[in-house]
Structure formats: C-alpha cells, structure tokens
C-alpha cells in the first residue's frame, strides 16, 4: 500500500533537510519535527523511504552522506523518540532490518534519544552489529555498548568529582 502523498512529501522534506529554521549558528530541521508530531502513524512511510530510497544508495563516505541525505539523522532521532513512547518492539524490528551506514545512523540516533543507554529490545541487534558489521559499524556499536555497560560507574565517578568540587 502506498503512503499518502502528504506523508511521503513530509518524510522526504525531513530526509533532504528542505525546511530548516536558523537560530544564530544553529539549524533545525522543521520537517523532521513535524514527522515526529505525526507519531506512530508515520512509521510505515519513514520505514519505507529509508528501506527503498536511502539504503540502496546510501554512501559509505560521511561527507557524501551529509550531502546526499542531510536530514537522515534528524529523521531517525524523531523516529526513535516516537518509538520511545510505547513502540519499542516495532523500533527493534526496524533497527534489525537496517544494515551498513544506515544502521550506523540509527545507532547514533538511539544514542541521542536514550543518552548512552541501550534499551533491552535493541541490545541484541547492536551486539550483533559490534560482532559482524563493517569495521566502522563494529567500532560505533562497540563504543555504544561500552558506554551502556560502563554508564553506572561513570555516573558515580562524575557525582564524586562534583561533590569534591562543591566542598
């Protein structure tokens, strides 16, 4: 079933960064914000565009990625923010369907949305990426896994150093 034209146009606007708002030196992807506001109803369109239009031609070079699909990171962050509100199994299934540099972007988005913590439903997919992905994907997934597992210790150390500074 084809997605409604307005949803498809909105997702593509977010993907290509066509509607930006500038505040000082910061740029905000307004279309990506509108995608997020649509909620779970937009998932099929986002998933379809990423699978059919992005994954087949997503470049491995980071500079080329930004030039070709400047809003993919914003789109994925918005997607996972909606996932966080009760759609974890769908998000886990979507994550496991990704590969290569698009999966790397998804892992970066997960890191942003969950602040260095990996939700249980995503853990096995990210562990598999750390073992079997490209060298770049392995490095990114391993880094996030390390942060995820070391976070409680790091937070204790940070709290202790703040306490020392406050004395």
Protein backbone atom coordinates (compact mmCIF):
# COMPACT_ATOMS: atom_id res chain seq x y z
CA UNK A 1 0.00 0.00 0.00
CA UNK A 2 1.38 3.37 -0.97
CA UNK A 3 1.73 6.01 1.74
CA UNK A 4 -0.37 9.16 1.45
CA UNK A 5 1.34 11.79 -0.71
CA UNK A 6 1.45 14.37 2.10
CA UNK A 7 3.21 11.92 4.45
CA UNK A 8 5.66 10.91 1.75
CA UNK A 9 6.42 14.56 0.95
CA UNK A 10 6.90 15.35 4.64
CA UNK A 11 9.31 12.45 5.18
CA UNK A 12 11.28 13.39 2.09
CA UNK A 13 11.41 17.04 3.21
CA UNK A 14 12.88 15.86 6.52
CA UNK A 15 15.30 13.48 4.81
CA UNK A 16 16.61 16.14 2.43
CA UNK A 17 16.53 18.96 5.00
CA UNK A 18 14.24 21.10 2.86
CA UNK A 19 12.59 23.03 5.69
CA UNK A 20 15.15 24.45 8.08
CA UNK A 21 14.93 27.11 10.72
CA UNK A 22 18.08 29.00 11.62
CA UNK A 23 18.67 30.45 15.07
CA UNK A 24 22.09 32.02 15.27
CA UNK A 25 24.56 29.37 14.18
CA UNK A 26 22.09 26.51 14.76
CA UNK A 27 19.90 24.92 12.11
CA UNK A 28 16.75 22.97 12.96
CA UNK A 29 15.06 20.51 10.63
CA UNK A 30 11.45 21.68 10.93
CA UNK A 31 10.13 18.90 8.69
CA UNK A 32 11.70 16.32 10.99
CA UNK A 33 9.88 17.90 13.93
CA UNK A 34 6.59 17.61 12.00
CA UNK A 35 7.34 13.95 11.24
CA UNK A 36 7.77 13.35 14.96
CA UNK A 37 4.49 15.15 15.71
CA UNK A 38 2.66 12.72 13.42
CA UNK A 39 3.50 9.95 15.86
CA UNK A 40 3.36 6.25 15.11
CA UNK A 41 1.05 6.74 12.12
CA UNK A 42 4.07 7.93 10.09
CA UNK A 43 6.20 4.84 10.83
CA UNK A 44 5.32 2.92 7.65
CA UNK A 45 6.27 5.88 5.49
CA UNK A 46 9.56 6.55 7.29
CA UNK A 47 10.46 2.86 7.20
CA UNK A 48 9.59 2.53 3.52
CA UNK A 49 11.56 5.62 2.48
CA UNK A 50 14.62 4.51 4.44
CA UNK A 51 14.47 0.96 3.07
CA UNK A 52 13.62 1.74 -0.55
CA UNK A 53 15.16 5.14 -1.21
CA UNK A 54 18.04 5.53 1.23
CA UNK A 55 19.58 2.12 1.97
CA UNK A 56 20.18 1.10 -1.66
CA UNK A 57 22.26 4.19 -2.41
CA UNK A 58 23.47 5.46 0.98
CA UNK A 59 27.15 6.28 0.55
CA UNK A 60 29.77 5.00 2.98
CA UNK A 61 31.66 8.30 2.96
CA UNK A 62 30.36 10.54 5.80
CA UNK A 63 30.76 13.74 3.77
CA UNK A 64 28.79 12.25 0.88
CA UNK A 65 26.11 11.06 3.32
CA UNK A 66 25.53 14.59 4.57
CA UNK A 67 25.48 15.98 1.04
CA UNK A 68 23.07 13.37 -0.30
CA UNK A 69 20.76 12.92 2.72
CA UNK A 70 21.34 15.85 5.10
CA UNK A 71 18.34 15.08 7.31
CA UNK A 72 18.64 11.33 7.81
CA UNK A 73 19.98 11.71 11.35
CA UNK A 74 17.16 14.08 12.33
CA UNK A 75 14.61 11.75 10.78
CA UNK A 76 15.94 8.77 12.75
CA UNK A 77 16.10 10.72 16.01
CA UNK A 78 12.45 11.72 15.52
CA UNK A 79 11.50 8.14 14.67
CA UNK A 80 13.14 6.76 17.80
CA UNK A 81 11.64 9.48 20.01
CA UNK A 82 8.21 8.26 18.94
CA UNK A 83 9.33 4.64 19.38
CA UNK A 84 10.29 5.51 22.97
CA UNK A 85 6.63 6.33 23.71
CA UNK A 86 5.41 2.74 23.59
CA UNK A 87 6.53 1.35 20.23
CA UNK A 88 9.72 -0.42 21.34
CA UNK A 89 9.06 -3.75 19.57
CA UNK A 90 8.37 -2.03 16.27
CA UNK A 91 11.53 0.05 16.68
CA UNK A 92 13.56 -3.07 17.46
CA UNK A 93 12.25 -4.79 14.36
CA UNK A 94 13.05 -1.77 12.24
CA UNK A 95 16.56 -1.47 13.67
CA UNK A 96 17.26 -5.13 12.93
CA UNK A 97 16.15 -4.62 9.31
CA UNK A 98 18.84 -1.98 8.72
CA UNK A 99 22.42 -2.51 7.67
CA UNK A 100 25.66 -0.70 6.93
CA UNK A 101 25.89 3.06 7.23
CA UNK A 102 22.11 3.44 7.70
CA UNK A 103 22.29 1.17 10.74
CA UNK A 104 25.20 3.29 11.99
CA UNK A 105 22.99 6.38 11.71
CA UNK A 106 20.24 4.56 13.60
CA UNK A 107 22.69 3.63 16.37
CA UNK A 108 23.76 7.27 16.63
CA UNK A 109 20.09 8.28 16.88
CA UNK A 110 19.50 5.69 19.63
CA UNK A 111 22.49 7.10 21.50
CA UNK A 112 20.94 10.58 21.32
CA UNK A 113 17.43 9.54 22.28
CA UNK A 114 18.43 7.24 25.16
CA UNK A 115 21.57 9.12 26.24
CA UNK A 116 24.18 6.33 26.07
CA UNK A 117 21.76 3.67 27.29
CA UNK A 118 20.59 0.88 25.02
CA UNK A 119 17.01 -0.31 25.50
CA UNK A 120 16.81 -4.06 26.11
CA UNK A 121 14.84 -4.65 22.91
CA UNK A 122 17.71 -3.15 20.84
CA UNK A 123 20.61 -4.75 22.68
CA UNK A 124 20.94 -7.97 20.67
CA UNK A 125 20.90 -6.13 17.33
CA UNK A 126 23.59 -3.70 18.47
CA UNK A 127 25.67 -6.55 19.89
CA UNK A 128 25.41 -8.35 16.54
CA UNK A 129 26.50 -5.17 14.73
CA UNK A 130 29.52 -4.96 17.04
CA UNK A 131 30.49 -8.52 16.07
CA UNK A 132 29.61 -8.74 12.40
CA UNK A 133 29.20 -5.26 10.90
CA UNK A 134 31.66 -3.34 8.80
CA UNK A 135 34.72 -2.09 10.71
CA UNK A 136 33.07 1.33 11.13
CA UNK A 137 29.80 -0.18 12.34
CA UNK A 138 31.65 -2.52 14.70
CA UNK A 139 33.54 0.42 16.19
CA UNK A 140 30.41 2.52 16.68
CA UNK A 141 28.34 -0.33 18.13
CA UNK A 142 31.19 -1.38 20.44
CA UNK A 143 31.61 2.20 21.63
CA UNK A 144 27.90 2.49 22.49
CA UNK A 145 27.92 -0.91 24.20
CA UNK A 146 30.90 0.17 26.29
CA UNK A 147 29.13 3.37 27.31
CA UNK A 148 25.96 1.42 28.07
CA UNK A 149 27.74 -1.06 30.33
CA UNK A 150 30.05 1.49 31.98
CA UNK A 151 27.48 4.24 32.48
CA UNK A 152 26.65 3.50 36.15
CA UNK A 153 30.35 3.57 37.06
CA UNK A 154 30.92 6.77 35.08
CA UNK A 155 27.94 8.47 36.70
CA UNK A 156 29.24 7.56 40.18
CA UNK A 157 32.68 8.95 39.31
CA UNK A 158 31.14 12.15 37.95
CA UNK A 159 28.97 12.58 41.05
CA UNK A 160 32.01 12.02 43.29
CA UNK A 161 34.06 14.59 41.38
CA UNK A 162 31.21 17.10 41.58
CA UNK A 163 30.96 16.50 45.32
CA UNK A 164 34.69 17.14 45.70
CA UNK A 165 34.43 20.34 43.68
CA UNK A 166 31.50 21.60 45.76
CA UNK A 167 33.44 21.27 49.02
